[in-house]
Amino acid sequence: MYIIQHLAGRLAALVWLGVFLSLTGVPARAAENVAIITSGETEFAFQIEIADTPETSARGLMFRRELAPDAGMLFDFFSERPTSFWMRNTMIPLDMLFIRANGEIARIHANAIPHDETPIPSGEPVRFVLEIPGGRAEELGIRAGDVLVHPRVEAD
């Protein structure tokens, strides 16, 4: 009986926390599977997958035949470092947003060519790379200097 009461109390607390957070708008910003790019006064939300293990980073978006306009994959290297990507076994064009640890977009490589094995370097040490559908960054007006808002981003 104690266990049931204990679990019920925890469940009630979680429900109230969820209600509070939803009223304050926090869940969209705090969710691991949502990346928000802030460009001036405009925010663009992407439903993302996280690649933060050697296995998920190696596979990335390979073999995908489509990617929704508001979808992507966030690669997290846990610290800033120079990195390079390629498009081996990637069937769709992608924009690659190279992002510093503080969330600032350092550079964008637009419309990476499917199956191309030419290295695409970050140009400087970065912590994150956000891959989104090819051409989407230009379409939305996302530029270097814009900011990624995500729970993994370190505040300055």
N, C-alpha and C. Protein backbone atom coordinates (compact mmCIF):
# COMPACT_ATOMS: atom_id res chain seq x y z
N MET A 1 0.81 -1.18 0.00
CA MET A 1 0.00 0.00 0.00
C MET A 1 0.87 1.27 0.00
N TYR A 2 1.94 1.24 0.79
CA TYR A 2 2.84 2.39 0.85
C TYR A 2 3.41 2.69 -0.53
N ILE A 3 3.81 1.66 -1.26
CA ILE A 3 4.41 1.84 -2.58
C ILE A 3 3.41 2.50 -3.53
N ILE A 4 2.16 2.08 -3.49
CA ILE A 4 1.14 2.67 -4.36
C ILE A 4 0.93 4.14 -4.02
N GLN A 5 0.84 4.45 -2.70
CA GLN A 5 0.67 5.85 -2.30
C GLN A 5 1.88 6.68 -2.70
N HIS A 6 3.07 6.11 -2.53
CA HIS A 6 4.30 6.81 -2.89
C HIS A 6 4.32 7.11 -4.39
N LEU A 7 4.02 6.12 -5.21
CA LEU A 7 4.00 6.30 -6.66
C LEU A 7 2.90 7.27 -7.08
N ALA A 8 1.76 7.20 -6.45
CA ALA A 8 0.67 8.13 -6.78
C ALA A 8 1.07 9.57 -6.46
N GLY A 9 1.75 9.76 -5.35
CA GLY A 9 2.23 11.09 -5.00
C GLY A 9 3.23 11.62 -6.00
N ARG A 10 4.16 10.77 -6.44
CA ARG A 10 5.15 11.17 -7.44
C ARG A 10 4.47 11.49 -8.77
N LEU A 11 3.51 10.66 -9.15
CA LEU A 11 2.78 10.88 -10.40
C LEU A 11 2.05 12.23 -10.35
N ALA A 12 1.40 12.51 -9.24
CA ALA A 12 0.68 13.79 -9.10
C ALA A 12 1.66 14.96 -9.21
N ALA A 13 2.82 14.84 -8.60
CA ALA A 13 3.82 15.91 -8.67
C ALA A 13 4.30 16.10 -10.11
N LEU A 14 4.51 15.02 -10.82
CA LEU A 14 4.94 15.12 -12.22
C LEU A 14 3.86 15.76 -13.09
N VAL A 15 2.63 15.39 -12.85
CA VAL A 15 1.52 15.98 -13.61
C VAL A 15 1.48 17.48 -13.37
N TRP A 16 1.56 17.91 -12.11
CA TRP A 16 1.52 19.34 -11.81
C TRP A 16 2.72 20.07 -12.40
N LEU A 17 3.89 19.43 -12.38
CA LEU A 17 5.07 20.03 -12.99
C LEU A 17 4.86 20.19 -14.49
N GLY A 18 4.31 19.16 -15.12
CA GLY A 18 4.02 19.23 -16.56
C GLY A 18 3.04 20.33 -16.90
N VAL A 19 2.01 20.48 -16.09
CA VAL A 19 1.02 21.55 -16.32
C VAL A 19 1.70 22.91 -16.16
N PHE A 20 2.48 23.07 -15.11
CA PHE A 20 3.17 24.34 -14.87
C PHE A 20 4.10 24.67 -16.04
N LEU A 21 4.91 23.71 -16.46
CA LEU A 21 5.85 23.95 -17.54
C LEU A 21 5.14 24.26 -18.85
N SER A 22 4.04 23.56 -19.10
CA SER A 22 3.32 23.83 -20.35
C SER A 22 2.73 25.23 -20.35
N LEU A 23 2.31 25.72 -19.20
CA LEU A 23 1.76 27.07 -19.13
C LEU A 23 2.83 28.14 -19.29
N THR A 24 4.07 27.79 -18.93
CA THR A 24 5.16 28.76 -19.03
C THR A 24 5.90 28.64 -20.35
N GLY A 25 5.55 27.65 -21.17
CA GLY A 25 6.20 27.49 -22.46
C GLY A 25 7.54 26.80 -22.40
N VAL A 26 7.91 26.22 -21.28
CA VAL A 26 9.21 25.60 -21.13
C VAL A 26 9.37 24.30 -21.90
N PRO A 27 8.37 23.42 -22.02
CA PRO A 27 8.64 22.13 -22.62
C PRO A 27 9.24 22.18 -24.01
N ALA A 28 8.76 23.08 -24.87
CA ALA A 28 9.30 23.13 -26.23
C ALA A 28 10.78 23.47 -26.19
N ARG A 29 11.17 24.35 -25.29
CA ARG A 29 12.56 24.74 -25.21
C ARG A 29 13.41 23.70 -24.47
N ALA A 30 12.83 22.94 -23.59
CA ALA A 30 13.61 22.03 -22.76
C ALA A 30 13.63 20.61 -23.29
N ALA A 31 12.86 20.31 -24.32
CA ALA A 31 12.78 18.95 -24.82
C ALA A 31 14.04 18.58 -25.59
N GLU A 32 14.56 17.40 -25.33
CA GLU A 32 15.74 16.90 -26.03
C GLU A 32 15.48 16.74 -27.52
N ASN A 33 14.25 16.45 -27.89
CA ASN A 33 13.96 16.16 -29.30
C ASN A 33 13.51 17.39 -30.08
N VAL A 34 13.70 18.57 -29.50
CA VAL A 34 13.36 19.81 -30.21
C VAL A 34 14.58 20.72 -30.21
N ALA A 35 14.95 21.17 -31.41
CA ALA A 35 16.01 22.17 -31.56
C ALA A 35 15.35 23.42 -32.09
N ILE A 36 15.63 24.55 -31.45
CA ILE A 36 15.08 25.82 -31.89
C ILE A 36 16.23 26.69 -32.38
N ILE A 37 16.07 27.20 -33.58
CA ILE A 37 17.05 28.16 -34.10
C ILE A 37 16.41 29.54 -33.98
N THR A 38 17.10 30.43 -33.27
CA THR A 38 16.64 31.79 -33.10
C THR A 38 17.40 32.67 -34.09
N SER A 39 16.62 33.33 -34.95
CA SER A 39 17.17 34.21 -35.97
C SER A 39 16.49 35.57 -35.82
N GLY A 40 17.18 36.49 -35.17
CA GLY A 40 16.57 37.78 -34.85
C GLY A 40 15.41 37.57 -33.90
N GLU A 41 14.22 38.00 -34.30
CA GLU A 41 13.02 37.84 -33.48
C GLU A 41 12.25 36.56 -33.82
N THR A 42 12.75 35.79 -34.79
CA THR A 42 12.04 34.62 -35.27
C THR A 42 12.67 33.34 -34.73
N GLU A 43 11.82 32.38 -34.40
CA GLU A 43 12.28 31.06 -33.94
C GLU A 43 11.77 30.00 -34.89
N PHE A 44 12.65 29.06 -35.21
CA PHE A 44 12.29 27.93 -36.05
C PHE A 44 12.53 26.65 -35.25
N ALA A 45 11.51 25.82 -35.12
CA ALA A 45 11.62 24.58 -34.33
C ALA A 45 11.78 23.39 -35.26
N PHE A 46 12.69 22.51 -34.89
CA PHE A 46 12.93 21.27 -35.62
C PHE A 46 12.78 20.09 -34.66
N GLN A 47 12.05 19.08 -35.09
CA GLN A 47 11.96 17.83 -34.35
C GLN A 47 13.21 17.05 -34.71
N ILE A 48 14.02 16.72 -33.71
CA ILE A 48 15.33 16.15 -34.01
C ILE A 48 15.56 14.80 -33.34
N GLU A 49 16.49 14.09 -33.90
CA GLU A 49 17.08 12.92 -33.27
C GLU A 49 18.46 13.36 -32.80
N ILE A 50 18.95 12.73 -31.75
CA ILE A 50 20.26 13.05 -31.21
C ILE A 50 21.25 11.97 -31.64
N ALA A 51 22.41 12.40 -32.11
CA ALA A 51 23.51 11.49 -32.41
C ALA A 51 24.65 11.86 -31.47
N ASP A 52 24.84 11.05 -30.43
CA ASP A 52 25.88 11.37 -29.45
C ASP A 52 26.69 10.16 -29.01
N THR A 53 26.57 9.08 -29.77
CA THR A 53 27.41 7.90 -29.53
C THR A 53 28.18 7.63 -30.82
N PRO A 54 29.26 6.88 -30.76
CA PRO A 54 29.98 6.56 -32.00
C PRO A 54 29.07 5.90 -33.04
N GLU A 55 28.16 5.05 -32.59
CA GLU A 55 27.28 4.34 -33.52
C GLU A 55 26.28 5.29 -34.18
N THR A 56 25.60 6.12 -33.38
CA THR A 56 24.60 7.02 -33.96
C THR A 56 25.27 8.11 -34.79
N SER A 57 26.45 8.53 -34.40
CA SER A 57 27.16 9.55 -35.17
C SER A 57 27.65 8.98 -36.51
N ALA A 58 28.10 7.75 -36.51
CA ALA A 58 28.59 7.13 -37.75
C ALA A 58 27.44 6.92 -38.74
N ARG A 59 26.29 6.55 -38.25
CA ARG A 59 25.15 6.29 -39.14
C ARG A 59 24.44 7.57 -39.57
N GLY A 60 24.30 8.51 -38.65
CA GLY A 60 23.67 9.78 -38.99
C GLY A 60 22.35 9.59 -39.72
N LEU A 61 22.20 10.29 -40.83
CA LEU A 61 20.97 10.21 -41.62
C LEU A 61 21.16 9.34 -42.88
N MET A 62 22.14 8.45 -42.81
CA MET A 62 22.36 7.54 -43.94
C MET A 62 21.11 6.70 -44.21
N PHE A 63 20.91 6.39 -45.46
CA PHE A 63 19.86 5.49 -45.95
C PHE A 63 18.44 6.05 -45.81
N ARG A 64 18.30 7.28 -45.37
CA ARG A 64 16.97 7.89 -45.29
C ARG A 64 16.56 8.35 -46.69
N ARG A 65 15.34 8.10 -47.04
CA ARG A 65 14.84 8.51 -48.36
C ARG A 65 14.09 9.84 -48.30
N GLU A 66 13.77 10.28 -47.09
CA GLU A 66 13.10 11.57 -46.93
C GLU A 66 13.34 12.11 -45.53
N LEU A 67 13.14 13.40 -45.41
CA LEU A 67 13.28 14.08 -44.12
C LEU A 67 12.27 15.21 -44.13
N ALA A 68 11.39 15.23 -43.17
CA ALA A 68 10.36 16.27 -43.09
C ALA A 68 11.01 17.65 -43.03
N PRO A 69 10.33 18.68 -43.51
CA PRO A 69 10.91 20.03 -43.53
C PRO A 69 11.29 20.55 -42.15
N ASP A 70 10.63 20.06 -41.10
CA ASP A 70 10.93 20.52 -39.74
C ASP A 70 11.64 19.45 -38.92
N ALA A 71 12.37 18.57 -39.61
CA ALA A 71 13.08 17.48 -38.93
C ALA A 71 14.58 17.65 -39.11
N GLY A 72 15.34 16.94 -38.29
CA GLY A 72 16.79 16.97 -38.42
C GLY A 72 17.46 16.06 -37.43
N MET A 73 18.79 16.12 -37.42
CA MET A 73 19.58 15.34 -36.48
C MET A 73 20.65 16.25 -35.90
N LEU A 74 20.75 16.22 -34.57
CA LEU A 74 21.75 17.02 -33.85
C LEU A 74 22.88 16.11 -33.39
N PHE A 75 24.07 16.37 -33.90
CA PHE A 75 25.28 15.65 -33.48
C PHE A 75 25.90 16.43 -32.34
N ASP A 76 26.18 15.74 -31.24
CA ASP A 76 26.78 16.38 -30.07
C ASP A 76 28.12 15.71 -29.80
N PHE A 77 29.21 16.48 -29.88
CA PHE A 77 30.56 15.95 -29.64
C PHE A 77 31.02 16.22 -28.20
N PHE A 78 30.19 16.84 -27.38
CA PHE A 78 30.40 17.09 -25.96
C PHE A 78 31.45 18.16 -25.65
N SER A 79 32.29 18.50 -26.59
CA SER A 79 33.22 19.61 -26.44
C SER A 79 33.55 20.12 -27.84
N GLU A 80 34.07 21.33 -27.89
CA GLU A 80 34.39 21.88 -29.20
C GLU A 80 35.61 21.20 -29.79
N ARG A 81 35.52 20.93 -31.09
CA ARG A 81 36.63 20.32 -31.81
C ARG A 81 36.39 20.51 -33.31
N PRO A 82 37.46 20.53 -34.10
CA PRO A 82 37.26 20.55 -35.54
C PRO A 82 36.61 19.23 -35.96
N THR A 83 35.71 19.29 -36.89
CA THR A 83 35.06 18.07 -37.36
C THR A 83 34.84 18.17 -38.86
N SER A 84 34.53 17.05 -39.46
CA SER A 84 34.29 17.00 -40.88
C SER A 84 33.24 15.94 -41.16
N PHE A 85 32.35 16.22 -42.09
CA PHE A 85 31.28 15.30 -42.45
C PHE A 85 31.41 14.94 -43.92
N TRP A 86 30.73 13.89 -44.32
CA TRP A 86 30.60 13.53 -45.73
C TRP A 86 29.20 12.99 -45.93
N MET A 87 28.88 12.65 -47.16
CA MET A 87 27.51 12.24 -47.49
C MET A 87 27.43 10.79 -47.97
N ARG A 88 28.41 9.97 -47.62
CA ARG A 88 28.37 8.56 -48.02
C ARG A 88 27.05 7.93 -47.55
N ASN A 89 26.41 7.23 -48.45
CA ASN A 89 25.15 6.52 -48.17
C ASN A 89 24.01 7.43 -47.70
N THR A 90 24.17 8.73 -47.91
CA THR A 90 23.10 9.66 -47.57
C THR A 90 22.37 9.99 -48.86
N MET A 91 21.08 9.72 -48.88
CA MET A 91 20.31 9.75 -50.11
C MET A 91 19.59 11.07 -50.37
N ILE A 92 19.63 11.98 -49.43
CA ILE A 92 18.93 13.26 -49.57
C ILE A 92 19.89 14.41 -49.33
N PRO A 93 19.71 15.55 -50.01
CA PRO A 93 20.57 16.70 -49.74
C PRO A 93 20.31 17.23 -48.32
N LEU A 94 21.35 17.72 -47.71
CA LEU A 94 21.25 18.23 -46.34
C LEU A 94 21.95 19.57 -46.22
N ASP A 95 21.42 20.41 -45.33
CA ASP A 95 22.16 21.59 -44.85
C ASP A 95 22.82 21.17 -43.55
N MET A 96 24.08 21.54 -43.40
CA MET A 96 24.82 21.24 -42.17
C MET A 96 25.13 22.55 -41.46
N LEU A 97 24.60 22.69 -40.26
CA LEU A 97 24.82 23.88 -39.45
C LEU A 97 25.87 23.53 -38.40
N PHE A 98 27.05 24.13 -38.52
CA PHE A 98 28.14 23.89 -37.58
C PHE A 98 28.01 24.90 -36.45
N ILE A 99 27.92 24.40 -35.21
CA ILE A 99 27.47 25.22 -34.08
C ILE A 99 28.47 25.15 -32.92
N ARG A 100 28.82 26.31 -32.40
CA ARG A 100 29.72 26.38 -31.25
C ARG A 100 29.02 25.90 -29.98
N ALA A 101 29.78 25.68 -28.92
CA ALA A 101 29.24 25.18 -27.65
C ALA A 101 28.20 26.13 -27.07
N ASN A 102 28.33 27.44 -27.33
CA ASN A 102 27.37 28.42 -26.79
C ASN A 102 26.10 28.51 -27.63
N GLY A 103 26.00 27.71 -28.69
CA GLY A 103 24.81 27.66 -29.53
C GLY A 103 24.87 28.52 -30.77
N GLU A 104 25.90 29.35 -30.91
CA GLU A 104 26.00 30.22 -32.08
C GLU A 104 26.40 29.42 -33.32
N ILE A 105 25.68 29.63 -34.41
CA ILE A 105 26.00 28.96 -35.67
C ILE A 105 27.26 29.61 -36.23
N ALA A 106 28.31 28.79 -36.39
CA ALA A 106 29.59 29.28 -36.91
C ALA A 106 29.57 29.34 -38.43
N ARG A 107 28.96 28.32 -39.05
CA ARG A 107 28.95 28.27 -40.51
C ARG A 107 27.87 27.31 -40.96
N ILE A 108 27.40 27.50 -42.17
CA ILE A 108 26.39 26.61 -42.76
C ILE A 108 26.92 26.09 -44.09
N HIS A 109 26.89 24.80 -44.26
CA HIS A 109 27.17 24.20 -45.57
C HIS A 109 25.81 23.82 -46.15
N ALA A 110 25.42 24.50 -47.21
CA ALA A 110 24.09 24.30 -47.80
C ALA A 110 24.10 23.21 -48.86
N ASN A 111 23.02 22.45 -48.88
CA ASN A 111 22.75 21.47 -49.92
C ASN A 111 23.91 20.51 -50.19
N ALA A 112 24.36 19.84 -49.13
CA ALA A 112 25.38 18.81 -49.32
C ALA A 112 24.83 17.77 -50.30
N ILE A 113 25.67 17.33 -51.21
CA ILE A 113 25.26 16.46 -52.31
C ILE A 113 25.17 15.00 -51.86
N PRO A 114 24.02 14.36 -52.09
CA PRO A 114 23.88 12.94 -51.72
C PRO A 114 25.00 12.08 -52.29
N HIS A 115 25.49 11.16 -51.48
CA HIS A 115 26.51 10.17 -51.82
C HIS A 115 27.91 10.75 -52.04
N ASP A 116 28.08 12.05 -51.91
CA ASP A 116 29.39 12.68 -52.14
C ASP A 116 30.29 12.39 -50.94
N GLU A 117 31.49 11.89 -51.21
CA GLU A 117 32.42 11.57 -50.13
C GLU A 117 33.46 12.65 -49.89
N THR A 118 33.27 13.80 -50.52
CA THR A 118 34.16 14.93 -50.29
C THR A 118 33.96 15.43 -48.86
N PRO A 119 35.05 15.57 -48.09
CA PRO A 119 34.89 16.06 -46.70
C PRO A 119 34.29 17.47 -46.66
N ILE A 120 33.41 17.67 -45.70
CA ILE A 120 32.80 18.97 -45.45
C ILE A 120 33.26 19.40 -44.06
N PRO A 121 34.28 20.26 -43.98
CA PRO A 121 34.86 20.62 -42.68
C PRO A 121 34.04 21.69 -41.95
N SER A 122 34.18 21.67 -40.63
CA SER A 122 33.49 22.65 -39.80
C SER A 122 34.08 24.04 -39.95
N GLY A 123 35.36 24.11 -40.32
CA GLY A 123 36.02 25.41 -40.48
C GLY A 123 36.61 25.97 -39.20
N GLU A 124 36.14 25.47 -38.08
CA GLU A 124 36.65 25.86 -36.76
C GLU A 124 36.13 24.83 -35.76
N PRO A 125 36.65 24.84 -34.53
CA PRO A 125 36.11 23.90 -33.54
C PRO A 125 34.64 24.18 -33.24
N VAL A 126 33.83 23.14 -33.24
CA VAL A 126 32.39 23.24 -32.93
C VAL A 126 32.02 22.09 -32.00
N ARG A 127 30.95 22.27 -31.28
CA ARG A 127 30.45 21.19 -30.43
C ARG A 127 29.33 20.42 -31.11
N PHE A 128 28.52 21.12 -31.92
CA PHE A 128 27.34 20.51 -32.52
C PHE A 128 27.34 20.66 -34.04
N VAL A 129 26.65 19.74 -34.68
CA VAL A 129 26.27 19.89 -36.08
C VAL A 129 24.79 19.52 -36.16
N LEU A 130 24.01 20.44 -36.72
CA LEU A 130 22.59 20.17 -36.94
C LEU A 130 22.39 19.95 -38.43
N GLU A 131 21.91 18.77 -38.79
CA GLU A 131 21.59 18.48 -40.18
C GLU A 131 20.09 18.63 -40.37
N ILE A 132 19.72 19.43 -41.38
CA ILE A 132 18.32 19.65 -41.72
C ILE A 132 18.18 19.46 -43.23
N PRO A 133 16.95 19.39 -43.74
CA PRO A 133 16.78 19.18 -45.18
C PRO A 133 17.52 20.24 -46.02
N GLY A 134 18.12 19.79 -47.10
CA GLY A 134 18.87 20.68 -47.98
C GLY A 134 18.04 21.86 -48.47
N GLY A 135 18.61 23.05 -48.37
CA GLY A 135 17.95 24.26 -48.81
C GLY A 135 17.08 24.93 -47.76
N ARG A 136 16.84 24.23 -46.66
CA ARG A 136 15.92 24.74 -45.64
C ARG A 136 16.47 25.97 -44.92
N ALA A 137 17.79 25.99 -44.65
CA ALA A 137 18.38 27.14 -43.96
C ALA A 137 18.17 28.41 -44.78
N GLU A 138 18.44 28.36 -46.06
CA GLU A 138 18.24 29.54 -46.91
C GLU A 138 16.76 29.91 -46.98
N GLU A 139 15.92 28.90 -47.13
CA GLU A 139 14.47 29.14 -47.21
C GLU A 139 13.95 29.88 -45.98
N LEU A 140 14.47 29.53 -44.82
CA LEU A 140 14.02 30.15 -43.56
C LEU A 140 14.80 31.42 -43.21
N GLY A 141 15.89 31.66 -43.91
CA GLY A 141 16.71 32.82 -43.60
C GLY A 141 17.67 32.59 -42.44
N ILE A 142 17.98 31.33 -42.16
CA ILE A 142 18.92 31.00 -41.09
C ILE A 142 20.34 31.29 -41.59
N ARG A 143 21.12 31.98 -40.74
CA ARG A 143 22.46 32.42 -41.14
C ARG A 143 23.46 32.15 -40.01
N ALA A 144 24.75 32.20 -40.37
CA ALA A 144 25.81 32.17 -39.36
C ALA A 144 25.55 33.32 -38.40
N GLY A 145 25.74 33.06 -37.12
CA GLY A 145 25.46 34.06 -36.08
C GLY A 145 24.13 33.83 -35.39
N ASP A 146 23.19 33.12 -36.06
CA ASP A 146 21.94 32.74 -35.41
C ASP A 146 22.27 31.74 -34.30
N VAL A 147 21.29 31.44 -33.47
CA VAL A 147 21.58 30.67 -32.25
C VAL A 147 20.68 29.44 -32.11
N LEU A 148 21.31 28.33 -31.72
CA LEU A 148 20.60 27.10 -31.38
C LEU A 148 20.19 27.17 -29.92
N VAL A 149 18.91 26.92 -29.65
CA VAL A 149 18.41 26.82 -28.28
C VAL A 149 18.07 25.35 -28.06
N HIS A 150 18.74 24.76 -27.10
CA HIS A 150 18.57 23.33 -26.79
C HIS A 150 19.15 23.07 -25.41
N PRO A 151 18.60 22.09 -24.68
CA PRO A 151 19.11 21.84 -23.32
C PRO A 151 20.60 21.51 -23.24
N ARG A 152 21.18 21.02 -24.33
CA ARG A 152 22.60 20.67 -24.30
C ARG A 152 23.53 21.86 -24.52
N VAL A 153 22.99 22.98 -24.94
CA VAL A 153 23.81 24.16 -25.20
C VAL A 153 24.23 24.79 -23.88
N GLU A 154 25.50 25.14 -23.80
CA GLU A 154 26.04 25.77 -22.60
C GLU A 154 25.74 27.26 -22.62
N ALA A 155 25.25 27.77 -21.53
CA ALA A 155 24.99 29.22 -21.43
C ALA A 155 26.30 29.94 -21.23
N ASP A 156 26.42 31.10 -21.85
CA ASP A 156 27.64 31.92 -21.66
C ASP A 156 27.63 32.60 -20.32
